[in-house]
Amino acid sequence: HAQGLHGADAEDAASRGAADLEQYKHLLIAPFVQPDPNVIPLPLTKEYDARDFDINMALDDLGNTTCHWAAAFARLAILERAIARGADVHRVNHTSHSALMRAVMMPTNYE
């Protein structure tokens, strides 16, 4: 909620914030559908100013974070950058799974 704004202005600011949050989540998830494992999410690049967003936020309804997604898809470059940005590797999703547990549970992560 924007400080100092009231009524419609506060609602507009809250709406813009929610839209920005959804775009941020989309930018973090988008590379996981790319076949190239070297694609890095824009918010994890040096050019992107992500100060207003929490790298540990849930990206989906299951409570999975960027670390969970990166571990599940064996995207080590993304995982390393997320950790460098302050991602908590011990954070659990809604089913109490850590990123490491997600990686172990995926049959495609045999390498």
PDB file of N, CA and C in Angstrom:
ATOM      1  N   HIS A   1       0.858  -1.172   0.000  1.00  0.00           N
ATOM      2  CA  HIS A   1       0.000   0.000   0.000  1.00  0.00           C
ATOM      3  C   HIS A   1       0.898   1.226   0.000  1.00  0.00           C
ATOM      4  N   ALA A   2       0.706   2.124  -0.958  1.00  0.00           N
ATOM      5  CA  ALA A   2       1.567   3.286  -1.095  1.00  0.00           C
ATOM      6  C   ALA A   2       1.308   4.283   0.027  1.00  0.00           C
ATOM      7  N   GLN A   3       2.362   4.768   0.652  1.00  0.00           N
ATOM      8  CA  GLN A   3       2.236   5.682   1.778  1.00  0.00           C
ATOM      9  C   GLN A   3       1.806   7.054   1.274  1.00  0.00           C
ATOM     10  N   GLY A   4       0.831   7.672   1.948  1.00  0.00           N
ATOM     11  CA  GLY A   4       0.391   9.004   1.587  1.00  0.00           C
ATOM     12  C   GLY A   4      -0.677   9.048   0.517  1.00  0.00           C
ATOM     13  N   LEU A   5      -1.045   7.949  -0.069  1.00  0.00           N
ATOM     14  CA  LEU A   5      -2.087   7.920  -1.088  1.00  0.00           C
ATOM     15  C   LEU A   5      -3.383   7.452  -0.464  1.00  0.00           C
ATOM     16  N   HIS A   6      -4.474   7.997  -0.964  1.00  0.00           N
ATOM     17  CA  HIS A   6      -5.776   7.648  -0.413  1.00  0.00           C
ATOM     18  C   HIS A   6      -6.755   7.347  -1.536  1.00  0.00           C
ATOM     19  N   GLY A   7      -7.772   6.553  -1.226  1.00  0.00           N
ATOM     20  CA  GLY A   7      -8.865   6.286  -2.158  1.00  0.00           C
ATOM     21  C   GLY A   7      -8.408   5.666  -3.452  1.00  0.00           C
ATOM     22  N   ALA A   8      -8.852   6.268  -4.571  1.00  0.00           N
ATOM     23  CA  ALA A   8      -8.573   5.731  -5.906  1.00  0.00           C
ATOM     24  C   ALA A   8      -7.079   5.716  -6.207  1.00  0.00           C
ATOM     25  N   ASP A   9      -6.340   6.743  -5.734  1.00  0.00           N
ATOM     26  CA  ASP A   9      -4.894   6.778  -5.978  1.00  0.00           C
ATOM     27  C   ASP A   9      -4.194   5.602  -5.307  1.00  0.00           C
ATOM     28  N   ALA A  10      -4.592   5.280  -4.102  1.00  0.00           N
ATOM     29  CA  ALA A  10      -4.006   4.145  -3.384  1.00  0.00           C
ATOM     30  C   ALA A  10      -4.355   2.838  -4.075  1.00  0.00           C
ATOM     31  N   GLU A  11      -5.598   2.717  -4.553  1.00  0.00           N
ATOM     32  CA  GLU A  11      -6.009   1.505  -5.268  1.00  0.00           C
ATOM     33  C   GLU A  11      -5.236   1.354  -6.569  1.00  0.00           C
ATOM     34  N   ASP A  12      -5.018   2.472  -7.299  1.00  0.00           N
ATOM     35  CA  ASP A  12      -4.238   2.427  -8.538  1.00  0.00           C
ATOM     36  C   ASP A  12      -2.802   1.989  -8.259  1.00  0.00           C
ATOM     37  N   ALA A  13      -2.204   2.529  -7.206  1.00  0.00           N
ATOM     38  CA  ALA A  13      -0.830   2.162  -6.849  1.00  0.00           C
ATOM     39  C   ALA A  13      -0.755   0.692  -6.469  1.00  0.00           C
ATOM     40  N   ALA A  14      -1.726   0.211  -5.709  1.00  0.00           N
ATOM     41  CA  ALA A  14      -1.754  -1.205  -5.317  1.00  0.00           C
ATOM     42  C   ALA A  14      -1.929  -2.089  -6.537  1.00  0.00           C
ATOM     43  N   SER A  15      -2.766  -1.669  -7.475  1.00  0.00           N
ATOM     44  CA  SER A  15      -2.998  -2.438  -8.701  1.00  0.00           C
ATOM     45  C   SER A  15      -1.721  -2.508  -9.537  1.00  0.00           C
ATOM     46  N   ARG A  16      -1.021  -1.374  -9.659  1.00  0.00           N
ATOM     47  CA  ARG A  16       0.245  -1.365 -10.410  1.00  0.00           C
ATOM     48  C   ARG A  16       1.270  -2.262  -9.729  1.00  0.00           C
ATOM     49  N   GLY A  17       1.305  -2.231  -8.397  1.00  0.00           N
ATOM     50  CA  GLY A  17       2.239  -3.079  -7.658  1.00  0.00           C
ATOM     51  C   GLY A  17       1.967  -4.547  -7.890  1.00  0.00           C
ATOM     52  N   ALA A  18       0.690  -4.935  -7.904  1.00  0.00           N
ATOM     53  CA  ALA A  18       0.315  -6.332  -8.155  1.00  0.00           C
ATOM     54  C   ALA A  18       0.694  -6.735  -9.569  1.00  0.00           C
ATOM     55  N   ALA A  19       0.489  -5.833 -10.535  1.00  0.00           N
ATOM     56  CA  ALA A  19       0.850  -6.125 -11.925  1.00  0.00           C
ATOM     57  C   ALA A  19       2.360  -6.284 -12.050  1.00  0.00           C
ATOM     58  N   ASP A  20       3.121  -5.406 -11.381  1.00  0.00           N
ATOM     59  CA  ASP A  20       4.582  -5.512 -11.406  1.00  0.00           C
ATOM     60  C   ASP A  20       5.039  -6.829 -10.791  1.00  0.00           C
ATOM     61  N   LEU A  21       4.406  -7.237  -9.712  1.00  0.00           N
ATOM     62  CA  LEU A  21       4.745  -8.486  -9.039  1.00  0.00           C
ATOM     63  C   LEU A  21       4.494  -9.678  -9.954  1.00  0.00           C
ATOM     64  N   GLU A  22       3.364  -9.682 -10.646  1.00  0.00           N
ATOM     65  CA  GLU A  22       3.054 -10.777 -11.571  1.00  0.00           C
ATOM     66  C   GLU A  22       4.037 -10.800 -12.731  1.00  0.00           C
ATOM     67  N   GLN A  23       4.431  -9.630 -13.230  1.00  0.00           N
ATOM     68  CA  GLN A  23       5.411  -9.583 -14.314  1.00  0.00           C
ATOM     69  C   GLN A  23       6.762 -10.108 -13.825  1.00  0.00           C
ATOM     70  N   TYR A  24       7.140  -9.740 -12.611  1.00  0.00           N
ATOM     71  CA  TYR A  24       8.393 -10.212 -12.026  1.00  0.00           C
ATOM     72  C   TYR A  24       8.386 -11.736 -11.921  1.00  0.00           C
ATOM     73  N   LYS A  25       7.288 -12.298 -11.440  1.00  0.00           N
ATOM     74  CA  LYS A  25       7.166 -13.761 -11.343  1.00  0.00           C
ATOM     75  C   LYS A  25       7.278 -14.399 -12.723  1.00  0.00           C
ATOM     76  N   HIS A  26       6.600 -13.801 -13.708  1.00  0.00           N
ATOM     77  CA  HIS A  26       6.650 -14.337 -15.075  1.00  0.00           C
ATOM     78  C   HIS A  26       8.087 -14.309 -15.609  1.00  0.00           C
ATOM     79  N   LEU A  27       8.795 -13.217 -15.372  1.00  0.00           N
ATOM     80  CA  LEU A  27      10.178 -13.111 -15.844  1.00  0.00           C
ATOM     81  C   LEU A  27      11.075 -14.165 -15.205  1.00  0.00           C
ATOM     82  N   LEU A  28      10.803 -14.511 -13.956  1.00  0.00           N
ATOM     83  CA  LEU A  28      11.609 -15.534 -13.283  1.00  0.00           C
ATOM     84  C   LEU A  28      11.293 -16.939 -13.790  1.00  0.00           C
ATOM     85  N   ILE A  29      10.030 -17.206 -14.116  1.00  0.00           N
ATOM     86  CA  ILE A  29       9.613 -18.547 -14.540  1.00  0.00           C
ATOM     87  C   ILE A  29       9.869 -18.803 -16.027  1.00  0.00           C
ATOM     88  N   ALA A  30       9.777 -17.771 -16.857  1.00  0.00           N
ATOM     89  CA  ALA A  30       9.844 -17.926 -18.317  1.00  0.00           C
ATOM     90  C   ALA A  30      11.024 -18.769 -18.822  1.00  0.00           C
ATOM     91  N   PRO A  31      12.238 -18.605 -18.316  1.00  0.00           N
ATOM     92  CA  PRO A  31      13.352 -19.393 -18.850  1.00  0.00           C
ATOM     93  C   PRO A  31      13.222 -20.908 -18.656  1.00  0.00           C
ATOM     94  N   PHE A  32      12.397 -21.332 -17.726  1.00  0.00           N
ATOM     95  CA  PHE A  32      12.278 -22.767 -17.475  1.00  0.00           C
ATOM     96  C   PHE A  32      11.527 -23.499 -18.576  1.00  0.00           C
ATOM     97  N   VAL A  33      10.835 -22.767 -19.438  1.00  0.00           N
ATOM     98  CA  VAL A  33      10.160 -23.403 -20.572  1.00  0.00           C
ATOM     99  C   VAL A  33      11.010 -23.310 -21.833  1.00  0.00           C
ATOM    100  N   GLN A  34      12.188 -22.707 -21.725  1.00  0.00           N
ATOM    101  CA  GLN A  34      13.117 -22.609 -22.846  1.00  0.00           C
ATOM    102  C   GLN A  34      13.982 -23.865 -22.904  1.00  0.00           C
ATOM    103  N   PRO A  35      14.246 -24.362 -24.100  1.00  0.00           N
ATOM    104  CA  PRO A  35      15.099 -25.556 -24.196  1.00  0.00           C
ATOM    105  C   PRO A  35      16.566 -25.279 -23.857  1.00  0.00           C
ATOM    106  N   ASP A  36      16.992 -24.020 -23.984  1.00  0.00           N
ATOM    107  CA  ASP A  36      18.379 -23.665 -23.709  1.00  0.00           C
ATOM    108  C   ASP A  36      18.583 -23.499 -22.201  1.00  0.00           C
ATOM    109  N   PRO A  37      19.367 -24.373 -21.574  1.00  0.00           N
ATOM    110  CA  PRO A  37      19.564 -24.286 -20.125  1.00  0.00           C
ATOM    111  C   PRO A  37      20.389 -23.079 -19.690  1.00  0.00           C
ATOM    112  N   ASN A  38      20.959 -22.357 -20.649  1.00  0.00           N
ATOM    113  CA  ASN A  38      21.795 -21.208 -20.319  1.00  0.00           C
ATOM    114  C   ASN A  38      21.029 -19.892 -20.268  1.00  0.00           C
ATOM    115  N   VAL A  39      19.729 -19.921 -20.544  1.00  0.00           N
ATOM    116  CA  VAL A  39      18.924 -18.704 -20.475  1.00  0.00           C
ATOM    117  C   VAL A  39      18.762 -18.318 -19.008  1.00  0.00           C
ATOM    118  N   ILE A  40      19.082 -17.076 -18.704  1.00  0.00           N
ATOM    119  CA  ILE A  40      19.013 -16.559 -17.333  1.00  0.00           C
ATOM    120  C   ILE A  40      17.806 -15.624 -17.233  1.00  0.00           C
ATOM    121  N   PRO A  41      16.998 -15.758 -16.186  1.00  0.00           N
ATOM    122  CA  PRO A  41      15.863 -14.844 -16.016  1.00  0.00           C
ATOM    123  C   PRO A  41      16.346 -13.397 -15.895  1.00  0.00           C
ATOM    124  N   LEU A  42      15.662 -12.496 -16.568  1.00  0.00           N
ATOM    125  CA  LEU A  42      16.038 -11.092 -16.552  1.00  0.00           C
ATOM    126  C   LEU A  42      16.249 -10.539 -15.142  1.00  0.00           C
ATOM    127  N   PRO A  43      15.391 -10.839 -14.152  1.00  0.00           N
ATOM    128  CA  PRO A  43      15.631 -10.285 -12.814  1.00  0.00           C
ATOM    129  C   PRO A  43      16.924 -10.759 -12.150  1.00  0.00           C
ATOM    130  N   LEU A  44      17.563 -11.772 -12.696  1.00  0.00           N
ATOM    131  CA  LEU A  44      18.819 -12.261 -12.118  1.00  0.00           C
ATOM    132  C   LEU A  44      20.040 -11.719 -12.848  1.00  0.00           C
ATOM    133  N   THR A  45      19.820 -10.827 -13.812  1.00  0.00           N
ATOM    134  CA  THR A  45      20.933 -10.215 -14.529  1.00  0.00           C
ATOM    135  C   THR A  45      21.340  -8.926 -13.832  1.00  0.00           C
ATOM    136  N   LYS A  46      22.551  -8.492 -14.082  1.00  0.00           N
ATOM    137  CA  LYS A  46      23.054  -7.261 -13.469  1.00  0.00           C
ATOM    138  C   LYS A  46      22.282  -6.035 -13.953  1.00  0.00           C
ATOM    139  N   GLU A  47      21.732  -6.109 -15.156  1.00  0.00           N
ATOM    140  CA  GLU A  47      21.049  -4.969 -15.747  1.00  0.00           C
ATOM    141  C   GLU A  47      19.686  -4.708 -15.118  1.00  0.00           C
ATOM    142  N   TYR A  48      19.144  -5.663 -14.411  1.00  0.00           N
ATOM    143  CA  TYR A  48      17.788  -5.555 -13.865  1.00  0.00           C
ATOM    144  C   TYR A  48      17.843  -5.112 -12.408  1.00  0.00           C
ATOM    145  N   ASP A  49      17.089  -4.082 -12.086  1.00  0.00           N
ATOM    146  CA  ASP A  49      17.032  -3.580 -10.712  1.00  0.00           C
ATOM    147  C   ASP A  49      15.864  -4.249 -10.007  1.00  0.00           C
ATOM    148  N   ALA A  50      16.160  -5.253  -9.195  1.00  0.00           N
ATOM    149  CA  ALA A  50      15.110  -6.035  -8.528  1.00  0.00           C
ATOM    150  C   ALA A  50      15.039  -5.736  -7.033  1.00  0.00           C
ATOM    151  N   ARG A  51      15.429  -4.545  -6.641  1.00  0.00           N
ATOM    152  CA  ARG A  51      15.441  -4.201  -5.214  1.00  0.00           C
ATOM    153  C   ARG A  51      14.061  -4.271  -4.568  1.00  0.00           C
ATOM    154  N   ASP A  52      13.025  -3.992  -5.340  1.00  0.00           N
ATOM    155  CA  ASP A  52      11.675  -3.953  -4.773  1.00  0.00           C
ATOM    156  C   ASP A  52      11.021  -5.323  -4.668  1.00  0.00           C
ATOM    157  N   PHE A  53      11.703  -6.368  -5.104  1.00  0.00           N
ATOM    158  CA  PHE A  53      11.101  -7.691  -5.123  1.00  0.00           C
ATOM    159  C   PHE A  53      11.915  -8.674  -4.298  1.00  0.00           C
ATOM    160  N   ASP A  54      11.229  -9.635  -3.744  1.00  0.00           N
ATOM    161  CA  ASP A  54      11.837 -10.644  -2.878  1.00  0.00           C
ATOM    162  C   ASP A  54      12.206 -11.867  -3.712  1.00  0.00           C
ATOM    163  N   ILE A  55      13.475 -12.188  -3.791  1.00  0.00           N
ATOM    164  CA  ILE A  55      13.931 -13.345  -4.555  1.00  0.00           C
ATOM    165  C   ILE A  55      13.378 -14.642  -3.976  1.00  0.00           C
ATOM    166  N   ASN A  56      12.939 -14.619  -2.730  1.00  0.00           N
ATOM    167  CA  ASN A  56      12.405 -15.812  -2.079  1.00  0.00           C
ATOM    168  C   ASN A  56      10.888 -15.940  -2.182  1.00  0.00           C
ATOM    169  N   MET A  57      10.257 -15.083  -2.965  1.00  0.00           N
ATOM    170  CA  MET A  57       8.798 -15.153  -3.079  1.00  0.00           C
ATOM    171  C   MET A  57       8.362 -16.414  -3.819  1.00  0.00           C
ATOM    172  N   ALA A  58       7.176 -16.884  -3.485  1.00  0.00           N
ATOM    173  CA  ALA A  58       6.597 -18.040  -4.173  1.00  0.00           C
ATOM    174  C   ALA A  58       6.231 -17.631  -5.593  1.00  0.00           C
ATOM    175  N   LEU A  59       6.611 -18.462  -6.559  1.00  0.00           N
ATOM    176  CA  LEU A  59       6.321 -18.178  -7.959  1.00  0.00           C
ATOM    177  C   LEU A  59       5.089 -18.910  -8.457  1.00  0.00           C
ATOM    178  N   ASP A  60       4.595 -19.856  -7.683  1.00  0.00           N
ATOM    179  CA  ASP A  60       3.429 -20.627  -8.110  1.00  0.00           C
ATOM    180  C   ASP A  60       2.541 -20.944  -6.909  1.00  0.00           C
ATOM    181  N   ASP A  61       1.433 -21.595  -7.171  1.00  0.00           N
ATOM    182  CA  ASP A  61       0.462 -21.904  -6.115  1.00  0.00           C
ATOM    183  C   ASP A  61       0.979 -22.934  -5.107  1.00  0.00           C
ATOM    184  N   LEU A  62       2.052 -23.631  -5.441  1.00  0.00           N
ATOM    185  CA  LEU A  62       2.620 -24.632  -4.537  1.00  0.00           C
ATOM    186  C   LEU A  62       3.669 -24.040  -3.598  1.00  0.00           C
ATOM    187  N   GLY A  63       3.949 -22.747  -3.775  1.00  0.00           N
ATOM    188  CA  GLY A  63       4.925 -22.095  -2.915  1.00  0.00           C
ATOM    189  C   GLY A  63       6.360 -22.284  -3.352  1.00  0.00           C
ATOM    190  N   ASN A  64       6.575 -22.735  -4.582  1.00  0.00           N
ATOM    191  CA  ASN A  64       7.934 -22.934  -5.076  1.00  0.00           C
ATOM    192  C   ASN A  64       8.577 -21.596  -5.419  1.00  0.00           C
ATOM    193  N   THR A  65       9.824 -21.452  -5.021  1.00  0.00           N
ATOM    194  CA  THR A  65      10.600 -20.243  -5.275  1.00  0.00           C
ATOM    195  C   THR A  65      11.482 -20.461  -6.505  1.00  0.00           C
ATOM    196  N   THR A  66      12.249 -19.435  -6.839  1.00  0.00           N
ATOM    197  CA  THR A  66      13.203 -19.565  -7.945  1.00  0.00           C
ATOM    198  C   THR A  66      14.154 -20.730  -7.690  1.00  0.00           C
ATOM    199  N   CYS A  67      14.592 -20.906  -6.446  1.00  0.00           N
ATOM    200  CA  CYS A  67      15.489 -22.028  -6.121  1.00  0.00           C
ATOM    201  C   CYS A  67      14.815 -23.369  -6.387  1.00  0.00           C
ATOM    202  N   HIS A  68      13.561 -23.508  -6.006  1.00  0.00           N
ATOM    203  CA  HIS A  68      12.834 -24.756  -6.258  1.00  0.00           C
ATOM    204  C   HIS A  68      12.769 -25.046  -7.757  1.00  0.00           C
ATOM    205  N   TRP A  69      12.396 -24.035  -8.537  1.00  0.00           N
ATOM    206  CA  TRP A  69      12.283 -24.222  -9.984  1.00  0.00           C
ATOM    207  C   TRP A  69      13.641 -24.573 -10.596  1.00  0.00           C
ATOM    208  N   ALA A  70      14.679 -23.834 -10.215  1.00  0.00           N
ATOM    209  CA  ALA A  70      16.007 -24.081 -10.777  1.00  0.00           C
ATOM    210  C   ALA A  70      16.514 -25.473 -10.412  1.00  0.00           C
ATOM    211  N   ALA A  71      16.302 -25.885  -9.186  1.00  0.00           N
ATOM    212  CA  ALA A  71      16.738 -27.219  -8.758  1.00  0.00           C
ATOM    213  C   ALA A  71      15.949 -28.309  -9.470  1.00  0.00           C
ATOM    214  N   ALA A  72      14.648 -28.123  -9.602  1.00  0.00           N
ATOM    215  CA  ALA A  72      13.803 -29.132 -10.244  1.00  0.00           C
ATOM    216  C   ALA A  72      14.166 -29.328 -11.710  1.00  0.00           C
ATOM    217  N   PHE A  73      14.591 -28.247 -12.377  1.00  0.00           N
ATOM    218  CA  PHE A  73      14.931 -28.338 -13.797  1.00  0.00           C
ATOM    219  C   PHE A  73      16.436 -28.417 -14.035  1.00  0.00           C
ATOM    220  N   ALA A  74      17.213 -28.594 -12.966  1.00  0.00           N
ATOM    221  CA  ALA A  74      18.675 -28.708 -13.049  1.00  0.00           C
ATOM    222  C   ALA A  74      19.292 -27.521 -13.782  1.00  0.00           C
ATOM    223  N   ARG A  75      18.815 -26.331 -13.481  1.00  0.00           N
ATOM    224  CA  ARG A  75      19.346 -25.104 -14.082  1.00  0.00           C
ATOM    225  C   ARG A  75      20.317 -24.465 -13.088  1.00  0.00           C
ATOM    226  N   LEU A  76      21.527 -25.000 -13.086  1.00  0.00           N
ATOM    227  CA  LEU A  76      22.524 -24.592 -12.097  1.00  0.00           C
ATOM    228  C   LEU A  76      22.920 -23.126 -12.202  1.00  0.00           C
ATOM    229  N   ALA A  77      22.998 -22.597 -13.425  1.00  0.00           N
ATOM    230  CA  ALA A  77      23.369 -21.188 -13.588  1.00  0.00           C
ATOM    231  C   ALA A  77      22.322 -20.280 -12.944  1.00  0.00           C
ATOM    232  N   ILE A  78      21.048 -20.642 -13.092  1.00  0.00           N
ATOM    233  CA  ILE A  78      19.978 -19.856 -12.476  1.00  0.00           C
ATOM    234  C   ILE A  78      20.047 -19.991 -10.961  1.00  0.00           C
ATOM    235  N   LEU A  79      20.265 -21.198 -10.484  1.00  0.00           N
ATOM    236  CA  LEU A  79      20.356 -21.433  -9.044  1.00  0.00           C
ATOM    237  C   LEU A  79      21.507 -20.632  -8.432  1.00  0.00           C
ATOM    238  N   GLU A  80      22.655 -20.641  -9.089  1.00  0.00           N
ATOM    239  CA  GLU A  80      23.812 -19.899  -8.590  1.00  0.00           C
ATOM    240  C   GLU A  80      23.533 -18.404  -8.532  1.00  0.00           C
ATOM    241  N   ARG A  81      22.889 -17.880  -9.569  1.00  0.00           N
ATOM    242  CA  ARG A  81      22.583 -16.438  -9.581  1.00  0.00           C
ATOM    243  C   ARG A  81      21.534 -16.085  -8.537  1.00  0.00           C
ATOM    244  N   ALA A  82      20.552 -16.958  -8.360  1.00  0.00           N
ATOM    245  CA  ALA A  82      19.526 -16.700  -7.341  1.00  0.00           C
ATOM    246  C   ALA A  82      20.167 -16.657  -5.956  1.00  0.00           C
ATOM    247  N   ILE A  83      21.074 -17.586  -5.694  1.00  0.00           N
ATOM    248  CA  ILE A  83      21.770 -17.610  -4.402  1.00  0.00           C
ATOM    249  C   ILE A  83      22.610 -16.343  -4.239  1.00  0.00           C
ATOM    250  N   ALA A  84      23.276 -15.925  -5.311  1.00  0.00           N
ATOM    251  CA  ALA A  84      24.077 -14.699  -5.258  1.00  0.00           C
ATOM    252  C   ALA A  84      23.206 -13.476  -4.967  1.00  0.00           C
ATOM    253  N   ARG A  85      21.941 -13.523  -5.377  1.00  0.00           N
ATOM    254  CA  ARG A  85      20.987 -12.431  -5.112  1.00  0.00           C
ATOM    255  C   ARG A  85      20.318 -12.573  -3.746  1.00  0.00           C
ATOM    256  N   GLY A  86      20.718 -13.563  -2.972  1.00  0.00           N
ATOM    257  CA  GLY A  86      20.193 -13.693  -1.623  1.00  0.00           C
ATOM    258  C   GLY A  86      19.111 -14.736  -1.441  1.00  0.00           C
ATOM    259  N   ALA A  87      18.935 -15.622  -2.407  1.00  0.00           N
ATOM    260  CA  ALA A  87      17.913 -16.665  -2.281  1.00  0.00           C
ATOM    261  C   ALA A  87      18.241 -17.602  -1.123  1.00  0.00           C
ATOM    262  N   ASP A  88      17.212 -17.998  -0.415  1.00  0.00           N
ATOM    263  CA  ASP A  88      17.346 -18.893   0.736  1.00  0.00           C
ATOM    264  C   ASP A  88      17.175 -20.337   0.262  1.00  0.00           C
ATOM    265  N   VAL A  89      18.260 -21.093   0.222  1.00  0.00           N
ATOM    266  CA  VAL A  89      18.199 -22.477  -0.261  1.00  0.00           C
ATOM    267  C   VAL A  89      17.484 -23.400   0.718  1.00  0.00           C
ATOM    268  N   HIS A  90      17.255 -22.932   1.922  1.00  0.00           N
ATOM    269  CA  HIS A  90      16.573 -23.742   2.936  1.00  0.00           C
ATOM    270  C   HIS A  90      15.069 -23.489   2.989  1.00  0.00           C
ATOM    271  N   ARG A  91      14.586 -22.518   2.230  1.00  0.00           N
ATOM    272  CA  ARG A  91      13.158 -22.204   2.227  1.00  0.00           C
ATOM    273  C   ARG A  91      12.381 -23.399   1.693  1.00  0.00           C
ATOM    274  N   VAL A  92      11.262 -23.699   2.318  1.00  0.00           N
ATOM    275  CA  VAL A  92      10.430 -24.823   1.884  1.00  0.00           C
ATOM    276  C   VAL A  92       9.157 -24.308   1.225  1.00  0.00           C
ATOM    277  N   ASN A  93       8.598 -25.142   0.341  1.00  0.00           N
ATOM    278  CA  ASN A  93       7.335 -24.795  -0.308  1.00  0.00           C
ATOM    279  C   ASN A  93       6.176 -25.220   0.596  1.00  0.00           C
ATOM    280  N   HIS A  94       4.954 -25.169   0.068  1.00  0.00           N
ATOM    281  CA  HIS A  94       3.774 -25.476   0.885  1.00  0.00           C
ATOM    282  C   HIS A  94       3.699 -26.943   1.319  1.00  0.00           C
ATOM    283  N   THR A  95       4.487 -27.808   0.694  1.00  0.00           N
ATOM    284  CA  THR A  95       4.512 -29.221   1.092  1.00  0.00           C
ATOM    285  C   THR A  95       5.791 -29.555   1.869  1.00  0.00           C
ATOM    286  N   SER A  96       6.453 -28.517   2.355  1.00  0.00           N
ATOM    287  CA  SER A  96       7.675 -28.628   3.169  1.00  0.00           C
ATOM    288  C   SER A  96       8.864 -29.202   2.416  1.00  0.00           C
ATOM    289  N   HIS A  97       8.904 -29.015   1.095  1.00  0.00           N
ATOM    290  CA  HIS A  97      10.039 -29.471   0.295  1.00  0.00           C
ATOM    291  C   HIS A  97      11.002 -28.315   0.066  1.00  0.00           C
ATOM    292  N   SER A  98      12.276 -28.572   0.290  1.00  0.00           N
ATOM    293  CA  SER A  98      13.312 -27.592  -0.029  1.00  0.00           C
ATOM    294  C   SER A  98      13.679 -27.744  -1.506  1.00  0.00           C
ATOM    295  N   ALA A  99      14.506 -26.840  -2.001  1.00  0.00           N
ATOM    296  CA  ALA A  99      14.961 -26.934  -3.386  1.00  0.00           C
ATOM    297  C   ALA A  99      15.731 -28.234  -3.615  1.00  0.00           C
ATOM    298  N   LEU A 100      16.551 -28.634  -2.655  1.00  0.00           N
ATOM    299  CA  LEU A 100      17.298 -29.885  -2.776  1.00  0.00           C
ATOM    300  C   LEU A 100      16.352 -31.077  -2.888  1.00  0.00           C
ATOM    301  N   MET A 101      15.311 -31.073  -2.081  1.00  0.00           N
ATOM    302  CA  MET A 101      14.341 -32.170  -2.148  1.00  0.00           C
ATOM    303  C   MET A 101      13.651 -32.205  -3.508  1.00  0.00           C
ATOM    304  N   ARG A 102      13.339 -31.033  -4.078  1.00  0.00           N
ATOM    305  CA  ARG A 102      12.707 -30.973  -5.401  1.00  0.00           C
ATOM    306  C   ARG A 102      13.661 -31.549  -6.453  1.00  0.00           C
ATOM    307  N   ALA A 103      14.944 -31.238  -6.338  1.00  0.00           N
ATOM    308  CA  ALA A 103      15.921 -31.744  -7.301  1.00  0.00           C
ATOM    309  C   ALA A 103      16.009 -33.258  -7.245  1.00  0.00           C
ATOM    310  N   VAL A 104      16.035 -33.808  -6.047  1.00  0.00           N
ATOM    311  CA  VAL A 104      16.157 -35.258  -5.867  1.00  0.00           C
ATOM    312  C   VAL A 104      14.909 -35.979  -6.368  1.00  0.00           C
ATOM    313  N   MET A 105      13.761 -35.356  -6.230  1.00  0.00           N
ATOM    314  CA  MET A 105      12.497 -35.990  -6.621  1.00  0.00           C
ATOM    315  C   MET A 105      12.273 -36.015  -8.129  1.00  0.00           C
ATOM    316  N   MET A 106      13.011 -35.212  -8.883  1.00  0.00           N
ATOM    317  CA  MET A 106      12.810 -35.141 -10.331  1.00  0.00           C
ATOM    318  C   MET A 106      13.605 -36.248 -11.027  1.00  0.00           C
ATOM    319  N   PRO A 107      12.939 -37.128 -11.751  1.00  0.00           N
ATOM    320  CA  PRO A 107      13.647 -38.233 -12.408  1.00  0.00           C
ATOM    321  C   PRO A 107      14.591 -37.775 -13.514  1.00  0.00           C
ATOM    322  N   THR A 108      14.411 -36.565 -14.013  1.00  0.00           N
ATOM    323  CA  THR A 108      15.278 -36.077 -15.093  1.00  0.00           C
ATOM    324  C   THR A 108      16.608 -35.545 -14.582  1.00  0.00           C
ATOM    325  N   ASN A 109      16.764 -35.402 -13.277  1.00  0.00           N
ATOM    326  CA  ASN A 109      18.001 -34.862 -12.707  1.00  0.00           C
ATOM    327  C   ASN A 109      18.981 -35.972 -12.355  1.00  0.00           C
ATOM    328  N   TYR A 110      19.447 -36.673 -13.342  1.00  0.00           N
ATOM    329  CA  TYR A 110      20.354 -37.797 -13.100  1.00  0.00           C
ATOM    330  C   TYR A 110      21.810 -37.417 -13.316  1.00  0.00           C
ATOM    331  N   GLU A 111      22.074 -36.221 -13.831  1.00  0.00           N
ATOM    332  CA  GLU A 111      23.466 -35.827 -14.111  1.00  0.00           C
ATOM    333  C   GLU A 111      24.162 -35.278 -12.917  1.00  0.00           C
TER     334      GLU A 111
END
